[in-house]
């Protein structure tokens, strides 16, 4: 029998759905806007990764609260890799995505450093982390994950 979560804030399915919504927004902005709002898209990519890892942690914690941080590397440190293994490259992804979740909220210098190349990397990293988390939260089949993400 699956776990019952009374609070949306501790429900991993709600977190993975929110991460997917962030991913959808980033993809929409990336494809529909010109000029592309690079810093906003990268912010959403960081949010995808952060919320995806938090969803995994919430599932592993059986719905109890988790540490509040935007540092994806710190969150990854808390994942039980025996239960939900991930590639070490996720730490590199986390390090590259981290500034987008904090610095891009304000009109300062980092925005000048974001370009199309970095945007594509951020989107790829977000997709990979979300896919990993979604498989763990919703199961391996595409049909199962689509059904739970409605």
N, C-alpha and C. Protein backbone atom coordinates (compact mmCIF):
# COMPACT_ATOMS: atom_id res chain seq x y z
N UNK A 1 0.84 -1.18 0.00
CA UNK A 1 0.00 0.00 0.00
C UNK A 1 0.89 1.25 0.00
N UNK A 2 0.51 2.24 -0.77
CA UNK A 2 1.30 3.46 -0.87
C UNK A 2 1.14 4.33 0.36
N UNK A 3 2.02 5.28 0.48
CA UNK A 3 1.97 6.21 1.60
C UNK A 3 0.85 7.23 1.40
N UNK A 4 0.22 7.62 2.47
CA UNK A 4 -0.79 8.66 2.42
C UNK A 4 -0.17 9.93 3.00
N UNK A 5 -0.27 11.02 2.27
CA UNK A 5 0.28 12.29 2.71
C UNK A 5 -0.87 13.26 2.91
N UNK A 6 -1.00 13.76 4.10
CA UNK A 6 -2.10 14.67 4.42
C UNK A 6 -1.78 16.11 4.03
N UNK A 7 -0.53 16.43 3.91
CA UNK A 7 -0.10 17.81 3.69
C UNK A 7 0.59 17.90 2.33
N UNK A 8 0.11 18.80 1.47
CA UNK A 8 0.73 18.96 0.16
C UNK A 8 2.21 19.33 0.27
N UNK A 9 2.57 20.04 1.32
CA UNK A 9 3.96 20.48 1.49
C UNK A 9 4.91 19.32 1.70
N UNK A 10 4.42 18.18 2.14
CA UNK A 10 5.28 17.02 2.36
C UNK A 10 4.96 15.87 1.42
N UNK A 11 4.13 16.10 0.45
CA UNK A 11 3.74 15.06 -0.51
C UNK A 11 4.70 15.08 -1.70
N UNK A 12 5.50 14.04 -1.88
CA UNK A 12 6.48 14.04 -2.98
C UNK A 12 5.83 14.14 -4.37
N UNK A 13 4.64 13.62 -4.52
CA UNK A 13 3.96 13.71 -5.82
C UNK A 13 3.63 15.17 -6.14
N UNK A 14 3.22 15.93 -5.14
CA UNK A 14 2.96 17.35 -5.35
C UNK A 14 4.23 18.09 -5.75
N UNK A 15 5.35 17.73 -5.13
CA UNK A 15 6.63 18.37 -5.45
C UNK A 15 7.08 18.04 -6.87
N UNK A 16 6.92 16.78 -7.29
CA UNK A 16 7.36 16.42 -8.64
C UNK A 16 6.44 17.06 -9.68
N UNK A 17 5.17 17.21 -9.35
CA UNK A 17 4.24 17.91 -10.24
C UNK A 17 4.63 19.38 -10.36
N UNK A 18 4.99 19.99 -9.24
CA UNK A 18 5.42 21.39 -9.26
C UNK A 18 6.71 21.55 -10.07
N UNK A 19 7.62 20.60 -9.91
CA UNK A 19 8.86 20.64 -10.70
C UNK A 19 8.56 20.53 -12.18
N UNK A 20 7.61 19.68 -12.54
CA UNK A 20 7.22 19.53 -13.95
C UNK A 20 6.61 20.82 -14.48
N UNK A 21 5.80 21.49 -13.66
CA UNK A 21 5.23 22.77 -14.07
C UNK A 21 6.33 23.80 -14.33
N UNK A 22 7.34 23.82 -13.47
CA UNK A 22 8.49 24.72 -13.68
C UNK A 22 9.20 24.39 -14.99
N UNK A 23 9.36 23.10 -15.26
CA UNK A 23 10.00 22.66 -16.50
C UNK A 23 9.18 23.09 -17.71
N UNK A 24 7.88 22.92 -17.63
CA UNK A 24 6.99 23.32 -18.73
C UNK A 24 7.08 24.83 -18.99
N UNK A 25 7.14 25.62 -17.92
CA UNK A 25 7.26 27.08 -18.07
C UNK A 25 8.59 27.42 -18.74
N UNK A 26 9.66 26.81 -18.28
CA UNK A 26 10.98 27.08 -18.87
C UNK A 26 10.99 26.71 -20.36
N UNK A 27 10.42 25.57 -20.70
CA UNK A 27 10.38 25.15 -22.11
C UNK A 27 9.54 26.10 -22.94
N UNK A 28 8.43 26.56 -22.37
CA UNK A 28 7.58 27.51 -23.09
C UNK A 28 8.32 28.84 -23.33
N UNK A 29 8.93 29.36 -22.30
CA UNK A 29 9.68 30.62 -22.45
C UNK A 29 10.81 30.46 -23.46
N UNK A 30 11.45 29.30 -23.44
CA UNK A 30 12.57 29.04 -24.34
C UNK A 30 12.12 28.98 -25.80
N UNK A 31 10.93 28.46 -26.03
CA UNK A 31 10.49 28.29 -27.42
C UNK A 31 9.62 29.43 -27.93
N UNK A 32 8.94 30.15 -27.05
CA UNK A 32 7.94 31.12 -27.50
C UNK A 32 8.36 32.58 -27.44
N UNK A 33 9.41 32.89 -26.73
CA UNK A 33 9.78 34.29 -26.54
C UNK A 33 11.02 34.67 -27.33
N UNK A 34 10.98 35.88 -27.87
CA UNK A 34 12.16 36.46 -28.50
C UNK A 34 12.18 37.94 -28.18
N UNK A 35 13.25 38.44 -27.65
CA UNK A 35 14.42 37.68 -27.23
C UNK A 35 14.09 36.81 -26.02
N UNK A 36 14.83 35.75 -25.89
CA UNK A 36 14.60 34.82 -24.79
C UNK A 36 14.99 35.46 -23.47
N UNK A 37 14.15 35.31 -22.46
CA UNK A 37 14.52 35.79 -21.12
C UNK A 37 15.45 34.76 -20.45
N UNK A 38 16.71 34.78 -20.84
CA UNK A 38 17.66 33.75 -20.44
C UNK A 38 17.73 33.53 -18.93
N UNK A 39 17.82 34.63 -18.18
CA UNK A 39 17.96 34.50 -16.74
C UNK A 39 16.70 33.90 -16.10
N UNK A 40 15.54 34.21 -16.63
CA UNK A 40 14.29 33.66 -16.08
C UNK A 40 14.17 32.18 -16.40
N UNK A 41 14.55 31.80 -17.61
CA UNK A 41 14.52 30.38 -17.99
C UNK A 41 15.49 29.59 -17.11
N UNK A 42 16.67 30.12 -16.91
CA UNK A 42 17.66 29.44 -16.06
C UNK A 42 17.18 29.36 -14.61
N UNK A 43 16.48 30.38 -14.14
CA UNK A 43 15.91 30.34 -12.79
C UNK A 43 14.93 29.17 -12.69
N UNK A 44 14.06 29.03 -13.68
CA UNK A 44 13.10 27.92 -13.65
C UNK A 44 13.81 26.57 -13.74
N UNK A 45 14.89 26.49 -14.51
CA UNK A 45 15.66 25.24 -14.60
C UNK A 45 16.22 24.86 -13.23
N UNK A 46 16.73 25.85 -12.50
CA UNK A 46 17.24 25.58 -11.15
C UNK A 46 16.11 25.10 -10.25
N UNK A 47 14.95 25.71 -10.36
CA UNK A 47 13.81 25.32 -9.55
C UNK A 47 13.36 23.89 -9.85
N UNK A 48 13.43 23.50 -11.10
CA UNK A 48 13.10 22.12 -11.49
C UNK A 48 13.99 21.15 -10.72
N UNK A 49 15.28 21.40 -10.77
CA UNK A 49 16.23 20.50 -10.11
C UNK A 49 16.02 20.49 -8.60
N UNK A 50 15.90 21.66 -8.00
CA UNK A 50 15.72 21.75 -6.55
C UNK A 50 14.45 21.02 -6.10
N UNK A 51 13.34 21.28 -6.75
CA UNK A 51 12.07 20.66 -6.35
C UNK A 51 12.07 19.16 -6.62
N UNK A 52 12.75 18.74 -7.67
CA UNK A 52 12.84 17.31 -7.98
C UNK A 52 13.60 16.56 -6.90
N UNK A 53 14.73 17.10 -6.48
CA UNK A 53 15.51 16.45 -5.43
C UNK A 53 14.73 16.47 -4.11
N UNK A 54 14.05 17.56 -3.82
CA UNK A 54 13.23 17.63 -2.61
C UNK A 54 12.11 16.58 -2.65
N UNK A 55 11.55 16.33 -3.82
CA UNK A 55 10.52 15.29 -3.94
C UNK A 55 11.09 13.92 -3.57
N UNK A 56 12.29 13.64 -4.05
CA UNK A 56 12.95 12.37 -3.71
C UNK A 56 13.17 12.28 -2.21
N UNK A 57 13.68 13.35 -1.62
CA UNK A 57 13.93 13.35 -0.17
C UNK A 57 12.65 13.17 0.63
N UNK A 58 11.58 13.79 0.18
CA UNK A 58 10.31 13.64 0.89
C UNK A 58 9.79 12.21 0.80
N UNK A 59 9.96 11.59 -0.35
CA UNK A 59 9.53 10.19 -0.46
C UNK A 59 10.37 9.31 0.47
N UNK A 60 11.66 9.55 0.50
CA UNK A 60 12.53 8.76 1.36
C UNK A 60 12.26 9.02 2.84
N UNK A 61 11.81 10.21 3.16
CA UNK A 61 11.53 10.57 4.56
C UNK A 61 10.09 10.24 4.95
N UNK A 62 9.38 9.56 4.06
CA UNK A 62 7.98 9.19 4.32
C UNK A 62 7.11 10.39 4.65
N UNK A 63 7.38 11.50 3.97
CA UNK A 63 6.52 12.67 4.11
C UNK A 63 6.82 13.58 5.27
N UNK A 64 7.87 13.29 6.03
CA UNK A 64 8.25 14.25 7.08
C UNK A 64 8.98 15.41 6.43
N UNK A 65 9.05 16.50 7.08
CA UNK A 65 9.65 17.69 6.48
C UNK A 65 11.15 17.48 6.23
N UNK A 66 11.68 18.26 5.32
CA UNK A 66 13.09 18.19 4.97
C UNK A 66 13.72 19.57 5.17
N UNK A 67 15.03 19.58 5.15
CA UNK A 67 15.79 20.82 5.34
C UNK A 67 15.45 21.83 4.24
N UNK A 68 15.31 23.08 4.61
CA UNK A 68 15.02 24.13 3.64
C UNK A 68 16.33 24.74 3.17
N UNK A 69 16.63 24.54 1.90
CA UNK A 69 17.82 25.11 1.29
C UNK A 69 17.61 25.16 -0.22
N UNK A 70 18.33 26.06 -0.87
CA UNK A 70 18.32 26.12 -2.32
C UNK A 70 19.55 25.44 -2.90
N UNK A 71 20.42 24.95 -2.05
CA UNK A 71 21.68 24.32 -2.48
C UNK A 71 21.41 22.87 -2.88
N UNK A 72 21.35 22.62 -4.17
CA UNK A 72 21.01 21.30 -4.69
C UNK A 72 22.06 20.27 -4.30
N UNK A 73 23.32 20.66 -4.23
CA UNK A 73 24.37 19.72 -3.82
C UNK A 73 24.14 19.24 -2.39
N UNK A 74 23.77 20.15 -1.50
CA UNK A 74 23.46 19.76 -0.12
C UNK A 74 22.26 18.82 -0.08
N UNK A 75 21.28 19.09 -0.91
CA UNK A 75 20.11 18.21 -0.96
C UNK A 75 20.52 16.82 -1.46
N UNK A 76 21.35 16.77 -2.50
CA UNK A 76 21.81 15.48 -3.03
C UNK A 76 22.58 14.68 -1.99
N UNK A 77 23.32 15.39 -1.13
CA UNK A 77 24.06 14.72 -0.06
C UNK A 77 23.15 13.92 0.86
N UNK A 78 21.89 14.31 0.94
CA UNK A 78 20.94 13.65 1.84
C UNK A 78 20.14 12.53 1.18
N UNK A 79 20.31 12.34 -0.12
CA UNK A 79 19.59 11.27 -0.81
C UNK A 79 20.22 9.93 -0.44
N UNK A 80 19.38 8.97 -0.11
CA UNK A 80 19.85 7.61 0.15
C UNK A 80 20.11 6.95 -1.20
N UNK A 81 21.38 6.89 -1.59
CA UNK A 81 21.72 6.39 -2.92
C UNK A 81 21.50 4.89 -3.06
N UNK A 82 21.36 4.18 -1.95
CA UNK A 82 21.03 2.76 -2.03
C UNK A 82 19.60 2.57 -2.51
N UNK A 83 18.75 3.51 -2.13
CA UNK A 83 17.33 3.44 -2.52
C UNK A 83 17.08 4.15 -3.85
N UNK A 84 17.80 5.22 -4.09
CA UNK A 84 17.58 6.03 -5.30
C UNK A 84 18.93 6.50 -5.84
N UNK A 85 19.67 5.61 -6.52
CA UNK A 85 20.99 5.99 -7.01
C UNK A 85 20.92 7.07 -8.09
N UNK A 86 21.95 7.88 -8.14
CA UNK A 86 22.06 8.90 -9.19
C UNK A 86 23.50 9.01 -9.61
N UNK A 87 23.70 9.56 -10.80
CA UNK A 87 25.03 9.74 -11.36
C UNK A 87 25.74 10.88 -10.65
N UNK A 88 27.02 10.72 -10.39
CA UNK A 88 27.82 11.76 -9.72
C UNK A 88 27.81 13.09 -10.48
N UNK A 89 27.53 13.03 -11.78
CA UNK A 89 27.50 14.27 -12.56
C UNK A 89 26.40 15.21 -12.07
N UNK A 90 25.43 14.69 -11.32
CA UNK A 90 24.38 15.56 -10.78
C UNK A 90 24.97 16.63 -9.85
N UNK A 91 26.09 16.33 -9.20
CA UNK A 91 26.74 17.34 -8.37
C UNK A 91 27.28 18.48 -9.23
N UNK A 92 27.83 18.14 -10.39
CA UNK A 92 28.29 19.19 -11.31
C UNK A 92 27.11 20.02 -11.81
N UNK A 93 26.03 19.32 -12.13
CA UNK A 93 24.82 20.03 -12.56
C UNK A 93 24.35 20.98 -11.46
N UNK A 94 24.33 20.48 -10.24
CA UNK A 94 23.87 21.28 -9.10
C UNK A 94 24.72 22.53 -8.93
N UNK A 95 26.02 22.37 -9.06
CA UNK A 95 26.92 23.52 -8.90
C UNK A 95 26.68 24.56 -9.99
N UNK A 96 26.39 24.11 -11.20
CA UNK A 96 26.15 25.06 -12.28
C UNK A 96 24.78 25.71 -12.17
N UNK A 97 23.80 24.98 -11.69
CA UNK A 97 22.44 25.52 -11.58
C UNK A 97 22.26 26.42 -10.37
N UNK A 98 23.00 26.17 -9.30
CA UNK A 98 22.79 26.87 -8.04
C UNK A 98 22.68 28.39 -8.16
N UNK A 99 23.61 29.06 -8.85
CA UNK A 99 23.52 30.53 -8.90
C UNK A 99 22.23 31.04 -9.55
N UNK A 100 21.66 30.27 -10.44
CA UNK A 100 20.44 30.71 -11.13
C UNK A 100 19.26 30.82 -10.17
N UNK A 101 19.29 30.07 -9.10
CA UNK A 101 18.18 30.09 -8.15
C UNK A 101 18.25 31.25 -7.18
N UNK A 102 19.38 31.90 -7.10
CA UNK A 102 19.55 32.97 -6.14
C UNK A 102 19.83 34.29 -6.84
N UNK A 103 20.88 34.30 -7.64
CA UNK A 103 21.36 35.55 -8.23
C UNK A 103 20.43 36.09 -9.31
N UNK A 104 19.78 35.22 -10.07
CA UNK A 104 18.95 35.72 -11.18
C UNK A 104 17.66 36.37 -10.72
N UNK A 105 17.37 36.33 -9.44
CA UNK A 105 16.17 36.99 -8.93
C UNK A 105 16.30 38.52 -8.99
N UNK A 106 17.51 39.00 -9.11
CA UNK A 106 17.76 40.43 -9.07
C UNK A 106 18.56 40.84 -10.30
N UNK A 107 18.35 42.07 -10.78
CA UNK A 107 19.05 42.53 -11.99
C UNK A 107 20.50 42.91 -11.71
N UNK A 108 21.37 41.89 -11.60
CA UNK A 108 22.78 42.15 -11.35
C UNK A 108 23.63 41.40 -12.36
N UNK A 109 24.91 41.34 -12.14
CA UNK A 109 25.89 40.94 -13.13
C UNK A 109 25.73 39.55 -13.73
N UNK A 110 25.31 38.55 -12.99
CA UNK A 110 25.25 37.19 -13.52
C UNK A 110 24.47 37.12 -14.82
N UNK A 111 23.47 37.98 -14.96
CA UNK A 111 22.65 37.95 -16.16
C UNK A 111 23.51 38.19 -17.41
N UNK A 112 24.57 38.97 -17.29
CA UNK A 112 25.45 39.21 -18.42
C UNK A 112 26.24 37.96 -18.80
N UNK A 113 26.37 37.01 -17.86
CA UNK A 113 27.13 35.79 -18.11
C UNK A 113 26.29 34.66 -18.68
N UNK A 114 24.98 34.83 -18.72
CA UNK A 114 24.10 33.79 -19.24
C UNK A 114 23.97 33.97 -20.74
N UNK A 115 24.21 32.88 -21.47
CA UNK A 115 24.08 32.91 -22.92
C UNK A 115 23.33 31.66 -23.37
N UNK A 116 23.15 31.51 -24.65
CA UNK A 116 22.39 30.39 -25.20
C UNK A 116 23.02 29.04 -24.82
N UNK A 117 24.33 28.98 -24.83
CA UNK A 117 25.03 27.75 -24.46
C UNK A 117 24.70 27.35 -23.02
N UNK A 118 24.79 28.31 -22.10
CA UNK A 118 24.49 28.02 -20.69
C UNK A 118 23.01 27.69 -20.49
N UNK A 119 22.17 28.35 -21.25
CA UNK A 119 20.74 28.06 -21.19
C UNK A 119 20.47 26.60 -21.58
N UNK A 120 21.05 26.16 -22.68
CA UNK A 120 20.85 24.78 -23.14
C UNK A 120 21.35 23.78 -22.10
N UNK A 121 22.48 24.08 -21.49
CA UNK A 121 23.00 23.20 -20.44
C UNK A 121 22.04 23.16 -19.25
N UNK A 122 21.57 24.30 -18.82
CA UNK A 122 20.65 24.36 -17.68
C UNK A 122 19.39 23.56 -17.97
N UNK A 123 18.87 23.67 -19.16
CA UNK A 123 17.66 22.92 -19.52
C UNK A 123 17.92 21.42 -19.56
N UNK A 124 19.07 21.03 -20.08
CA UNK A 124 19.41 19.61 -20.12
C UNK A 124 19.57 19.05 -18.71
N UNK A 125 20.25 19.80 -17.86
CA UNK A 125 20.45 19.36 -16.48
C UNK A 125 19.11 19.22 -15.76
N UNK A 126 18.24 20.21 -15.93
CA UNK A 126 16.93 20.18 -15.30
C UNK A 126 16.13 18.97 -15.76
N UNK A 127 16.15 18.71 -17.06
CA UNK A 127 15.43 17.56 -17.61
C UNK A 127 15.95 16.25 -17.04
N UNK A 128 17.25 16.11 -16.96
CA UNK A 128 17.84 14.86 -16.46
C UNK A 128 17.50 14.63 -14.99
N UNK A 129 17.61 15.67 -14.19
CA UNK A 129 17.32 15.53 -12.76
C UNK A 129 15.83 15.27 -12.56
N UNK A 130 14.97 15.98 -13.29
CA UNK A 130 13.54 15.73 -13.15
C UNK A 130 13.19 14.30 -13.57
N UNK A 131 13.76 13.82 -14.67
CA UNK A 131 13.47 12.47 -15.14
C UNK A 131 13.87 11.42 -14.10
N UNK A 132 15.04 11.60 -13.51
CA UNK A 132 15.51 10.69 -12.46
C UNK A 132 14.54 10.68 -11.28
N UNK A 133 14.17 11.86 -10.81
CA UNK A 133 13.27 11.97 -9.66
C UNK A 133 11.88 11.43 -10.00
N UNK A 134 11.40 11.73 -11.18
CA UNK A 134 10.08 11.28 -11.58
C UNK A 134 10.01 9.75 -11.64
N UNK A 135 11.07 9.11 -12.14
CA UNK A 135 11.09 7.65 -12.15
C UNK A 135 11.01 7.09 -10.74
N UNK A 136 11.70 7.71 -9.81
CA UNK A 136 11.69 7.24 -8.42
C UNK A 136 10.33 7.48 -7.77
N UNK A 137 9.75 8.65 -7.99
CA UNK A 137 8.48 9.01 -7.36
C UNK A 137 7.31 8.25 -7.98
N UNK A 138 7.27 8.20 -9.30
CA UNK A 138 6.08 7.70 -10.00
C UNK A 138 6.25 6.31 -10.60
N UNK A 139 7.44 5.76 -10.58
CA UNK A 139 7.66 4.46 -11.20
C UNK A 139 8.34 4.60 -12.54
N UNK A 140 8.67 3.47 -13.14
CA UNK A 140 9.48 3.47 -14.35
C UNK A 140 8.72 3.71 -15.64
N UNK A 141 7.43 3.46 -15.68
CA UNK A 141 6.73 3.54 -16.95
C UNK A 141 6.28 4.96 -17.26
N UNK A 142 6.34 5.33 -18.51
CA UNK A 142 5.90 6.66 -18.93
C UNK A 142 4.41 6.83 -18.66
N UNK A 143 3.64 5.78 -18.88
CA UNK A 143 2.20 5.85 -18.64
C UNK A 143 1.90 6.14 -17.18
N UNK A 144 2.61 5.46 -16.29
CA UNK A 144 2.41 5.66 -14.86
C UNK A 144 2.76 7.09 -14.45
N UNK A 145 3.87 7.63 -14.94
CA UNK A 145 4.28 8.97 -14.54
C UNK A 145 3.35 10.03 -15.14
N UNK A 146 2.85 9.82 -16.36
CA UNK A 146 1.91 10.77 -16.95
C UNK A 146 0.61 10.80 -16.15
N UNK A 147 0.16 9.65 -15.73
CA UNK A 147 -1.07 9.55 -14.96
C UNK A 147 -0.94 10.28 -13.62
N UNK A 148 0.18 10.10 -12.93
CA UNK A 148 0.37 10.73 -11.62
C UNK A 148 0.64 12.23 -11.73
N UNK A 149 1.15 12.68 -12.88
CA UNK A 149 1.47 14.10 -13.04
C UNK A 149 0.30 14.92 -13.55
N UNK A 150 -0.88 14.32 -13.66
CA UNK A 150 -2.06 15.08 -14.11
C UNK A 150 -2.58 15.92 -12.98
